[in-house]
């Protein structure tokens, strides 16, 4: 309900929640609202979903790479891609 207040639409907040867990379903829902929500789609793509992150963690443990920096990097990648798409959106659309 908090996301619905922030985003202003129940289906849009549902798309964001789905995108956090599994990016293809979330992107499908969010992209149906049009190009105006490109930064939200960029956030979902940058984060790539918890399901993909969990699959990556299985390989990272074998390579002895710490998981916390990887997870923080995925969050930063999502935020940076969202901000860049928000800033570049007026230039291209």
PDB file of N, CA and C in Angstrom:
ATOM      1  N   UNK A   1       0.819  -1.198   0.000  1.00  0.00           N
ATOM      2  CA  UNK A   1       0.000   0.000   0.000  1.00  0.00           C
ATOM      3  C   UNK A   1       0.863   1.263   0.000  1.00  0.00           C
ATOM      4  N   UNK A   2       2.049   1.195   0.604  1.00  0.00           N
ATOM      5  CA  UNK A   2       2.941   2.347   0.607  1.00  0.00           C
ATOM      6  C   UNK A   2       3.444   2.633  -0.807  1.00  0.00           C
ATOM      7  N   UNK A   3       3.771   1.582  -1.548  1.00  0.00           N
ATOM      8  CA  UNK A   3       4.197   1.774  -2.939  1.00  0.00           C
ATOM      9  C   UNK A   3       3.078   2.346  -3.790  1.00  0.00           C
ATOM     10  N   UNK A   4       1.870   1.958  -3.513  1.00  0.00           N
ATOM     11  CA  UNK A   4       0.732   2.489  -4.254  1.00  0.00           C
ATOM     12  C   UNK A   4       0.589   3.987  -4.015  1.00  0.00           C
ATOM     13  N   UNK A   5       0.830   4.431  -2.788  1.00  0.00           N
ATOM     14  CA  UNK A   5       0.789   5.866  -2.501  1.00  0.00           C
ATOM     15  C   UNK A   5       1.905   6.615  -3.225  1.00  0.00           C
ATOM     16  N   UNK A   6       3.096   6.012  -3.276  1.00  0.00           N
ATOM     17  CA  UNK A   6       4.238   6.663  -3.914  1.00  0.00           C
ATOM     18  C   UNK A   6       4.090   6.679  -5.434  1.00  0.00           C
ATOM     19  N   UNK A   7       3.731   5.525  -6.007  1.00  0.00           N
ATOM     20  CA  UNK A   7       3.644   5.407  -7.461  1.00  0.00           C
ATOM     21  C   UNK A   7       2.298   5.844  -8.018  1.00  0.00           C
ATOM     22  N   UNK A   8       1.272   5.832  -7.191  1.00  0.00           N
ATOM     23  CA  UNK A   8      -0.032   6.316  -7.622  1.00  0.00           C
ATOM     24  C   UNK A   8      -0.880   5.305  -8.373  1.00  0.00           C
ATOM     25  N   UNK A   9      -0.431   4.064  -8.468  1.00  0.00           N
ATOM     26  CA  UNK A   9      -1.186   3.062  -9.214  1.00  0.00           C
ATOM     27  C   UNK A   9      -0.923   1.691  -8.607  1.00  0.00           C
ATOM     28  N   UNK A  10      -1.983   0.927  -8.392  1.00  0.00           N
ATOM     29  CA  UNK A  10      -1.845  -0.402  -7.790  1.00  0.00           C
ATOM     30  C   UNK A  10      -1.082  -1.338  -8.716  1.00  0.00           C
ATOM     31  N   UNK A  11      -1.402  -1.316 -10.008  1.00  0.00           N
ATOM     32  CA  UNK A  11      -0.740  -2.221 -10.947  1.00  0.00           C
ATOM     33  C   UNK A  11       0.728  -1.865 -11.140  1.00  0.00           C
ATOM     34  N   UNK A  12       1.053  -0.601 -11.079  1.00  0.00           N
ATOM     35  CA  UNK A  12       2.443  -0.181 -11.206  1.00  0.00           C
ATOM     36  C   UNK A  12       3.257  -0.645  -9.999  1.00  0.00           C
ATOM     37  N   UNK A  13       2.697  -0.510  -8.806  1.00  0.00           N
ATOM     38  CA  UNK A  13       3.404  -0.992  -7.617  1.00  0.00           C
ATOM     39  C   UNK A  13       3.508  -2.514  -7.632  1.00  0.00           C
ATOM     40  N   UNK A  14       2.503  -3.183  -8.161  1.00  0.00           N
ATOM     41  CA  UNK A  14       2.557  -4.639  -8.314  1.00  0.00           C
ATOM     42  C   UNK A  14       3.677  -5.031  -9.274  1.00  0.00           C
ATOM     43  N   UNK A  15       3.841  -4.267 -10.347  1.00  0.00           N
ATOM     44  CA  UNK A  15       4.904  -4.530 -11.301  1.00  0.00           C
ATOM     45  C   UNK A  15       6.280  -4.350 -10.685  1.00  0.00           C
ATOM     46  N   UNK A  16       6.440  -3.331  -9.820  1.00  0.00           N
ATOM     47  CA  UNK A  16       7.714  -3.113  -9.154  1.00  0.00           C
ATOM     48  C   UNK A  16       8.034  -4.257  -8.193  1.00  0.00           C
ATOM     49  N   UNK A  17       7.041  -4.693  -7.445  1.00  0.00           N
ATOM     50  CA  UNK A  17       7.262  -5.801  -6.505  1.00  0.00           C
ATOM     51  C   UNK A  17       7.597  -7.083  -7.272  1.00  0.00           C
ATOM     52  N   UNK A  18       6.878  -7.364  -8.350  1.00  0.00           N
ATOM     53  CA  UNK A  18       7.192  -8.532  -9.171  1.00  0.00           C
ATOM     54  C   UNK A  18       8.596  -8.403  -9.757  1.00  0.00           C
ATOM     55  N   UNK A  19       8.970  -7.177 -10.173  1.00  0.00           N
ATOM     56  CA  UNK A  19      10.281  -6.949 -10.757  1.00  0.00           C
ATOM     57  C   UNK A  19      11.409  -7.143  -9.771  1.00  0.00           C
ATOM     58  N   UNK A  20      11.170  -6.854  -8.510  1.00  0.00           N
ATOM     59  CA  UNK A  20      12.201  -7.069  -7.499  1.00  0.00           C
ATOM     60  C   UNK A  20      12.475  -8.557  -7.326  1.00  0.00           C
ATOM     61  N   UNK A  21      11.439  -9.366  -7.454  1.00  0.00           N
ATOM     62  CA  UNK A  21      11.631 -10.806  -7.303  1.00  0.00           C
ATOM     63  C   UNK A  21      12.008 -11.490  -8.612  1.00  0.00           C
ATOM     64  N   UNK A  22      11.349 -11.133  -9.701  1.00  0.00           N
ATOM     65  CA  UNK A  22      11.617 -11.766 -10.983  1.00  0.00           C
ATOM     66  C   UNK A  22      11.426 -10.709 -12.063  1.00  0.00           C
ATOM     67  N   UNK A  23      12.495 -10.355 -12.738  1.00  0.00           N
ATOM     68  CA  UNK A  23      12.480  -9.120 -13.538  1.00  0.00           C
ATOM     69  C   UNK A  23      11.584  -9.192 -14.779  1.00  0.00           C
ATOM     70  N   UNK A  24      11.429 -10.332 -15.419  1.00  0.00           N
ATOM     71  CA  UNK A  24      10.660 -10.345 -16.672  1.00  0.00           C
ATOM     72  C   UNK A  24       9.182 -10.044 -16.446  1.00  0.00           C
ATOM     73  N   UNK A  25       8.591 -10.601 -15.410  1.00  0.00           N
ATOM     74  CA  UNK A  25       7.179 -10.316 -15.136  1.00  0.00           C
ATOM     75  C   UNK A  25       6.988  -8.870 -14.706  1.00  0.00           C
ATOM     76  N   UNK A  26       7.899  -8.364 -13.895  1.00  0.00           N
ATOM     77  CA  UNK A  26       7.809  -6.979 -13.466  1.00  0.00           C
ATOM     78  C   UNK A  26       7.958  -6.012 -14.626  1.00  0.00           C
ATOM     79  N   UNK A  27       8.902  -6.299 -15.518  1.00  0.00           N
ATOM     80  CA  UNK A  27       9.091  -5.446 -16.693  1.00  0.00           C
ATOM     81  C   UNK A  27       7.886  -5.490 -17.620  1.00  0.00           C
ATOM     82  N   UNK A  28       7.279  -6.647 -17.730  1.00  0.00           N
ATOM     83  CA  UNK A  28       6.088  -6.777 -18.573  1.00  0.00           C
ATOM     84  C   UNK A  28       4.963  -5.885 -18.046  1.00  0.00           C
ATOM     85  N   UNK A  29       4.763  -5.894 -16.751  1.00  0.00           N
ATOM     86  CA  UNK A  29       3.688  -5.094 -16.155  1.00  0.00           C
ATOM     87  C   UNK A  29       4.005  -3.604 -16.243  1.00  0.00           C
ATOM     88  N   UNK A  30       5.229  -3.215 -15.868  1.00  0.00           N
ATOM     89  CA  UNK A  30       5.588  -1.794 -15.850  1.00  0.00           C
ATOM     90  C   UNK A  30       5.644  -1.228 -17.267  1.00  0.00           C
ATOM     91  N   UNK A  31       6.173  -1.977 -18.212  1.00  0.00           N
ATOM     92  CA  UNK A  31       6.285  -1.454 -19.573  1.00  0.00           C
ATOM     93  C   UNK A  31       4.928  -1.296 -20.250  1.00  0.00           C
ATOM     94  N   UNK A  32       3.909  -1.956 -19.755  1.00  0.00           N
ATOM     95  CA  UNK A  32       2.575  -1.796 -20.341  1.00  0.00           C
ATOM     96  C   UNK A  32       1.993  -0.409 -20.064  1.00  0.00           C
ATOM     97  N   UNK A  33       2.614   0.343 -19.139  1.00  0.00           N
ATOM     98  CA  UNK A  33       2.149   1.691 -18.830  1.00  0.00           C
ATOM     99  C   UNK A  33       2.757   2.744 -19.745  1.00  0.00           C
ATOM    100  N   UNK A  34       3.657   2.347 -20.621  1.00  0.00           N
ATOM    101  CA  UNK A  34       4.219   3.281 -21.589  1.00  0.00           C
ATOM    102  C   UNK A  34       5.632   3.704 -21.255  1.00  0.00           C
ATOM    103  N   UNK A  35       6.184   4.527 -22.126  1.00  0.00           N
ATOM    104  CA  UNK A  35       7.575   4.934 -22.026  1.00  0.00           C
ATOM    105  C   UNK A  35       7.819   5.902 -20.869  1.00  0.00           C
ATOM    106  N   UNK A  36       6.785   6.462 -20.289  1.00  0.00           N
ATOM    107  CA  UNK A  36       6.952   7.393 -19.170  1.00  0.00           C
ATOM    108  C   UNK A  36       7.563   6.726 -17.945  1.00  0.00           C
ATOM    109  N   UNK A  37       7.474   5.416 -17.860  1.00  0.00           N
ATOM    110  CA  UNK A  37       7.998   4.695 -16.704  1.00  0.00           C
ATOM    111  C   UNK A  37       9.310   3.989 -17.026  1.00  0.00           C
ATOM    112  N   UNK A  38      10.055   4.553 -17.973  1.00  0.00           N
ATOM    113  CA  UNK A  38      11.358   4.013 -18.351  1.00  0.00           C
ATOM    114  C   UNK A  38      12.342   3.968 -17.185  1.00  0.00           C
ATOM    115  N   UNK A  39      12.430   4.982 -16.320  1.00  0.00           N
ATOM    116  CA  UNK A  39      13.354   4.876 -15.177  1.00  0.00           C
ATOM    117  C   UNK A  39      13.027   3.714 -14.239  1.00  0.00           C
ATOM    118  N   UNK A  40      11.762   3.418 -14.070  1.00  0.00           N
ATOM    119  CA  UNK A  40      11.379   2.285 -13.233  1.00  0.00           C
ATOM    120  C   UNK A  40      11.792   0.968 -13.893  1.00  0.00           C
ATOM    121  N   UNK A  41      11.640   0.890 -15.210  1.00  0.00           N
ATOM    122  CA  UNK A  41      12.102  -0.291 -15.939  1.00  0.00           C
ATOM    123  C   UNK A  41      13.621  -0.427 -15.852  1.00  0.00           C
ATOM    124  N   UNK A  42      14.329   0.693 -15.918  1.00  0.00           N
ATOM    125  CA  UNK A  42      15.788   0.668 -15.799  1.00  0.00           C
ATOM    126  C   UNK A  42      16.209   0.199 -14.413  1.00  0.00           C
ATOM    127  N   UNK A  43      15.457   0.599 -13.390  1.00  0.00           N
ATOM    128  CA  UNK A  43      15.751   0.140 -12.035  1.00  0.00           C
ATOM    129  C   UNK A  43      15.601  -1.379 -11.946  1.00  0.00           C
ATOM    130  N   UNK A  44      14.525  -1.896 -12.494  1.00  0.00           N
ATOM    131  CA  UNK A  44      14.289  -3.341 -12.446  1.00  0.00           C
ATOM    132  C   UNK A  44      15.371  -4.087 -13.217  1.00  0.00           C
ATOM    133  N   UNK A  45      15.753  -3.576 -14.390  1.00  0.00           N
ATOM    134  CA  UNK A  45      16.811  -4.224 -15.176  1.00  0.00           C
ATOM    135  C   UNK A  45      18.148  -4.171 -14.460  1.00  0.00           C
ATOM    136  N   UNK A  46      18.451  -3.051 -13.834  1.00  0.00           N
ATOM    137  CA  UNK A  46      19.712  -2.918 -13.115  1.00  0.00           C
ATOM    138  C   UNK A  46      19.791  -3.838 -11.912  1.00  0.00           C
ATOM    139  N   UNK A  47      18.683  -4.015 -11.234  1.00  0.00           N
ATOM    140  CA  UNK A  47      18.661  -4.902 -10.069  1.00  0.00           C
ATOM    141  C   UNK A  47      18.638  -6.359 -10.491  1.00  0.00           C
ATOM    142  N   UNK A  48      17.929  -6.657 -11.551  1.00  0.00           N
ATOM    143  CA  UNK A  48      17.837  -7.970 -12.194  1.00  0.00           C
ATOM    144  C   UNK A  48      17.039  -9.018 -11.425  1.00  0.00           C
ATOM    145  N   UNK A  49      16.457  -8.699 -10.333  1.00  0.00           N
ATOM    146  CA  UNK A  49      15.582  -9.624  -9.624  1.00  0.00           C
ATOM    147  C   UNK A  49      16.320 -10.516  -8.644  1.00  0.00           C
ATOM    148  N   UNK A  50      15.639 -10.816  -7.569  1.00  0.00           N
ATOM    149  CA  UNK A  50      16.233 -11.659  -6.528  1.00  0.00           C
ATOM    150  C   UNK A  50      16.483 -13.071  -7.039  1.00  0.00           C
ATOM    151  N   UNK A  51      15.643 -13.571  -7.933  1.00  0.00           N
ATOM    152  CA  UNK A  51      15.848 -14.931  -8.440  1.00  0.00           C
ATOM    153  C   UNK A  51      17.167 -15.041  -9.202  1.00  0.00           C
ATOM    154  N   UNK A  52      17.502 -14.045  -9.993  1.00  0.00           N
ATOM    155  CA  UNK A  52      18.768 -14.075 -10.729  1.00  0.00           C
ATOM    156  C   UNK A  52      19.944 -13.858  -9.786  1.00  0.00           C
ATOM    157  N   UNK A  53      19.765 -13.002  -8.803  1.00  0.00           N
ATOM    158  CA  UNK A  53      20.831 -12.766  -7.831  1.00  0.00           C
ATOM    159  C   UNK A  53      21.130 -14.041  -7.048  1.00  0.00           C
ATOM    160  N   UNK A  54      20.106 -14.779  -6.664  1.00  0.00           N
ATOM    161  CA  UNK A  54      20.319 -16.027  -5.934  1.00  0.00           C
ATOM    162  C   UNK A  54      21.038 -17.061  -6.798  1.00  0.00           C
ATOM    163  N   UNK A  55      20.725 -17.104  -8.080  1.00  0.00           N
ATOM    164  CA  UNK A  55      21.435 -18.014  -8.978  1.00  0.00           C
ATOM    165  C   UNK A  55      22.904 -17.614  -9.081  1.00  0.00           C
ATOM    166  N   UNK A  56      23.172 -16.327  -9.125  1.00  0.00           N
ATOM    167  CA  UNK A  56      24.552 -15.846  -9.207  1.00  0.00           C
ATOM    168  C   UNK A  56      25.319 -16.137  -7.922  1.00  0.00           C
ATOM    169  N   UNK A  57      24.647 -16.070  -6.798  1.00  0.00           N
ATOM    170  CA  UNK A  57      25.315 -16.310  -5.517  1.00  0.00           C
ATOM    171  C   UNK A  57      25.835 -17.733  -5.413  1.00  0.00           C
ATOM    172  N   UNK A  58      25.186 -18.677  -6.052  1.00  0.00           N
ATOM    173  CA  UNK A  58      25.665 -20.058  -6.032  1.00  0.00           C
ATOM    174  C   UNK A  58      27.045 -20.146  -6.675  1.00  0.00           C
ATOM    175  N   UNK A  59      27.257 -19.418  -7.754  1.00  0.00           N
ATOM    176  CA  UNK A  59      28.562 -19.424  -8.409  1.00  0.00           C
ATOM    177  C   UNK A  59      29.578 -18.559  -7.676  1.00  0.00           C
ATOM    178  N   UNK A  60      29.108 -17.478  -7.079  1.00  0.00           N
ATOM    179  CA  UNK A  60      30.021 -16.601  -6.351  1.00  0.00           C
ATOM    180  C   UNK A  60      30.617 -17.291  -5.126  1.00  0.00           C
ATOM    181  N   UNK A  61      29.842 -18.133  -4.476  1.00  0.00           N
ATOM    182  CA  UNK A  61      30.363 -18.854  -3.310  1.00  0.00           C
ATOM    183  C   UNK A  61      31.462 -19.816  -3.719  1.00  0.00           C
ATOM    184  N   UNK A  62      31.296 -20.470  -4.884  1.00  0.00           N
ATOM    185  CA  UNK A  62      32.332 -21.376  -5.373  1.00  0.00           C
ATOM    186  C   UNK A  62      33.600 -20.610  -5.728  1.00  0.00           C
ATOM    187  N   UNK A  63      33.459 -19.380  -6.194  1.00  0.00           N
ATOM    188  CA  UNK A  63      34.608 -18.558  -6.555  1.00  0.00           C
ATOM    189  C   UNK A  63      35.160 -17.798  -5.350  1.00  0.00           C
ATOM    190  N   UNK A  64      34.582 -18.008  -4.197  1.00  0.00           N
ATOM    191  CA  UNK A  64      34.985 -17.374  -2.938  1.00  0.00           C
ATOM    192  C   UNK A  64      34.932 -15.847  -3.020  1.00  0.00           C
ATOM    193  N   UNK A  65      33.858 -15.349  -3.647  1.00  0.00           N
ATOM    194  CA  UNK A  65      33.604 -13.916  -3.715  1.00  0.00           C
ATOM    195  C   UNK A  65      32.557 -13.593  -2.668  1.00  0.00           C
ATOM    196  N   UNK A  66      32.765 -12.537  -1.925  1.00  0.00           N
ATOM    197  CA  UNK A  66      31.832 -12.170  -0.853  1.00  0.00           C
ATOM    198  C   UNK A  66      30.511 -11.714  -1.447  1.00  0.00           C
ATOM    199  N   UNK A  67      29.430 -12.105  -0.788  1.00  0.00           N
ATOM    200  CA  UNK A  67      28.099 -11.824  -1.324  1.00  0.00           C
ATOM    201  C   UNK A  67      27.600 -10.412  -1.008  1.00  0.00           C
ATOM    202  N   UNK A  68      27.990  -9.858   0.112  1.00  0.00           N
ATOM    203  CA  UNK A  68      27.507  -8.526   0.493  1.00  0.00           C
ATOM    204  C   UNK A  68      27.927  -7.451  -0.508  1.00  0.00           C
ATOM    205  N   UNK A  69      29.197  -7.393  -0.932  1.00  0.00           N
ATOM    206  CA  UNK A  69      29.556  -6.381  -1.934  1.00  0.00           C
ATOM    207  C   UNK A  69      28.829  -6.584  -3.262  1.00  0.00           C
ATOM    208  N   UNK A  70      28.581  -7.831  -3.626  1.00  0.00           N
ATOM    209  CA  UNK A  70      27.849  -8.106  -4.861  1.00  0.00           C
ATOM    210  C   UNK A  70      26.423  -7.574  -4.776  1.00  0.00           C
ATOM    211  N   UNK A  71      25.768  -7.829  -3.651  1.00  0.00           N
ATOM    212  CA  UNK A  71      24.395  -7.374  -3.471  1.00  0.00           C
ATOM    213  C   UNK A  71      24.321  -5.844  -3.425  1.00  0.00           C
ATOM    214  N   UNK A  72      25.266  -5.224  -2.749  1.00  0.00           N
ATOM    215  CA  UNK A  72      25.309  -3.755  -2.701  1.00  0.00           C
ATOM    216  C   UNK A  72      25.560  -3.188  -4.096  1.00  0.00           C
ATOM    217  N   UNK A  73      26.427  -3.844  -4.860  1.00  0.00           N
ATOM    218  CA  UNK A  73      26.691  -3.396  -6.232  1.00  0.00           C
ATOM    219  C   UNK A  73      25.447  -3.499  -7.108  1.00  0.00           C
ATOM    220  N   UNK A  74      24.642  -4.534  -6.910  1.00  0.00           N
ATOM    221  CA  UNK A  74      23.406  -4.677  -7.690  1.00  0.00           C
ATOM    222  C   UNK A  74      22.417  -3.561  -7.332  1.00  0.00           C
ATOM    223  N   UNK A  75      22.324  -3.207  -6.078  1.00  0.00           N
ATOM    224  CA  UNK A  75      21.440  -2.115  -5.667  1.00  0.00           C
ATOM    225  C   UNK A  75      21.942  -0.788  -6.245  1.00  0.00           C
ATOM    226  N   UNK A  76      23.263  -0.558  -6.165  1.00  0.00           N
ATOM    227  CA  UNK A  76      23.828   0.665  -6.734  1.00  0.00           C
ATOM    228  C   UNK A  76      23.632   0.722  -8.246  1.00  0.00           C
ATOM    229  N   UNK A  77      23.783  -0.418  -8.909  1.00  0.00           N
ATOM    230  CA  UNK A  77      23.573  -0.471 -10.350  1.00  0.00           C
ATOM    231  C   UNK A  77      22.126  -0.115 -10.693  1.00  0.00           C
ATOM    232  N   UNK A  78      21.197  -0.591  -9.894  1.00  0.00           N
ATOM    233  CA  UNK A  78      19.787  -0.283 -10.126  1.00  0.00           C
ATOM    234  C   UNK A  78      19.510   1.202  -9.940  1.00  0.00           C
ATOM    235  N   UNK A  79      20.049   1.784  -8.893  1.00  0.00           N
ATOM    236  CA  UNK A  79      19.826   3.205  -8.623  1.00  0.00           C
ATOM    237  C   UNK A  79      20.485   4.075  -9.692  1.00  0.00           C
ATOM    238  N   UNK A  80      21.709   3.744 -10.067  1.00  0.00           N
ATOM    239  CA  UNK A  80      22.407   4.527 -11.084  1.00  0.00           C
ATOM    240  C   UNK A  80      21.695   4.447 -12.426  1.00  0.00           C
ATOM    241  N   UNK A  81      21.241   3.265 -12.816  1.00  0.00           N
ATOM    242  CA  UNK A  81      20.537   3.140 -14.097  1.00  0.00           C
ATOM    243  C   UNK A  81      19.204   3.883 -14.071  1.00  0.00           C
ATOM    244  N   UNK A  82      18.539   3.894 -12.922  1.00  0.00           N
ATOM    245  CA  UNK A  82      17.290   4.645 -12.795  1.00  0.00           C
ATOM    246  C   UNK A  82      17.540   6.148 -12.927  1.00  0.00           C
ATOM    247  N   UNK A  83      18.556   6.647 -12.248  1.00  0.00           N
ATOM    248  CA  UNK A  83      18.868   8.070 -12.293  1.00  0.00           C
ATOM    249  C   UNK A  83      19.311   8.490 -13.690  1.00  0.00           C
ATOM    250  N   UNK A  84      20.170   7.683 -14.320  1.00  0.00           N
ATOM    251  CA  UNK A  84      20.627   8.020 -15.669  1.00  0.00           C
ATOM    252  C   UNK A  84      19.489   8.019 -16.677  1.00  0.00           C
ATOM    253  N   UNK A  85      18.615   7.051 -16.575  1.00  0.00           N
ATOM    254  CA  UNK A  85      17.488   7.030 -17.523  1.00  0.00           C
ATOM    255  C   UNK A  85      16.533   8.194 -17.261  1.00  0.00           C
ATOM    256  N   UNK A  86      16.395   8.595 -16.008  1.00  0.00           N
ATOM    257  CA  UNK A  86      15.564   9.752 -15.692  1.00  0.00           C
ATOM    258  C   UNK A  86      16.164  11.033 -16.269  1.00  0.00           C
ATOM    259  N   UNK A  87      17.492  11.155 -16.181  1.00  0.00           N
ATOM    260  CA  UNK A  87      18.161  12.342 -16.686  1.00  0.00           C
ATOM    261  C   UNK A  87      18.230  12.371 -18.228  1.00  0.00           C
ATOM    262  N   UNK A  88      18.405  11.209 -18.848  1.00  0.00           N
ATOM    263  CA  UNK A  88      18.546  11.142 -20.295  1.00  0.00           C
ATOM    264  C   UNK A  88      17.222  11.004 -21.036  1.00  0.00           C
ATOM    265  N   UNK A  89      16.174  10.705 -20.310  1.00  0.00           N
ATOM    266  CA  UNK A  89      14.849  10.524 -20.927  1.00  0.00           C
ATOM    267  C   UNK A  89      14.415  11.744 -21.747  1.00  0.00           C
ATOM    268  N   UNK A  90      14.541  12.972 -21.253  1.00  0.00           N
ATOM    269  CA  UNK A  90      14.084  14.126 -22.042  1.00  0.00           C
ATOM    270  C   UNK A  90      14.879  14.330 -23.335  1.00  0.00           C
ATOM    271  N   UNK A  91      16.113  13.886 -23.360  1.00  0.00           N
ATOM    272  CA  UNK A  91      16.933  14.052 -24.551  1.00  0.00           C
ATOM    273  C   UNK A  91      16.459  13.145 -25.687  1.00  0.00           C
ATOM    274  N   UNK A  92      16.101  11.921 -25.363  1.00  0.00           N
ATOM    275  CA  UNK A  92      15.793  10.926 -26.387  1.00  0.00           C
ATOM    276  C   UNK A  92      14.302  10.764 -26.671  1.00  0.00           C
ATOM    277  N   UNK A  93      13.449  11.171 -25.729  1.00  0.00           N
ATOM    278  CA  UNK A  93      12.010  10.979 -25.948  1.00  0.00           C
ATOM    279  C   UNK A  93      11.337  12.300 -25.905  1.00  0.00           C
TER     280      UNK A  93
END
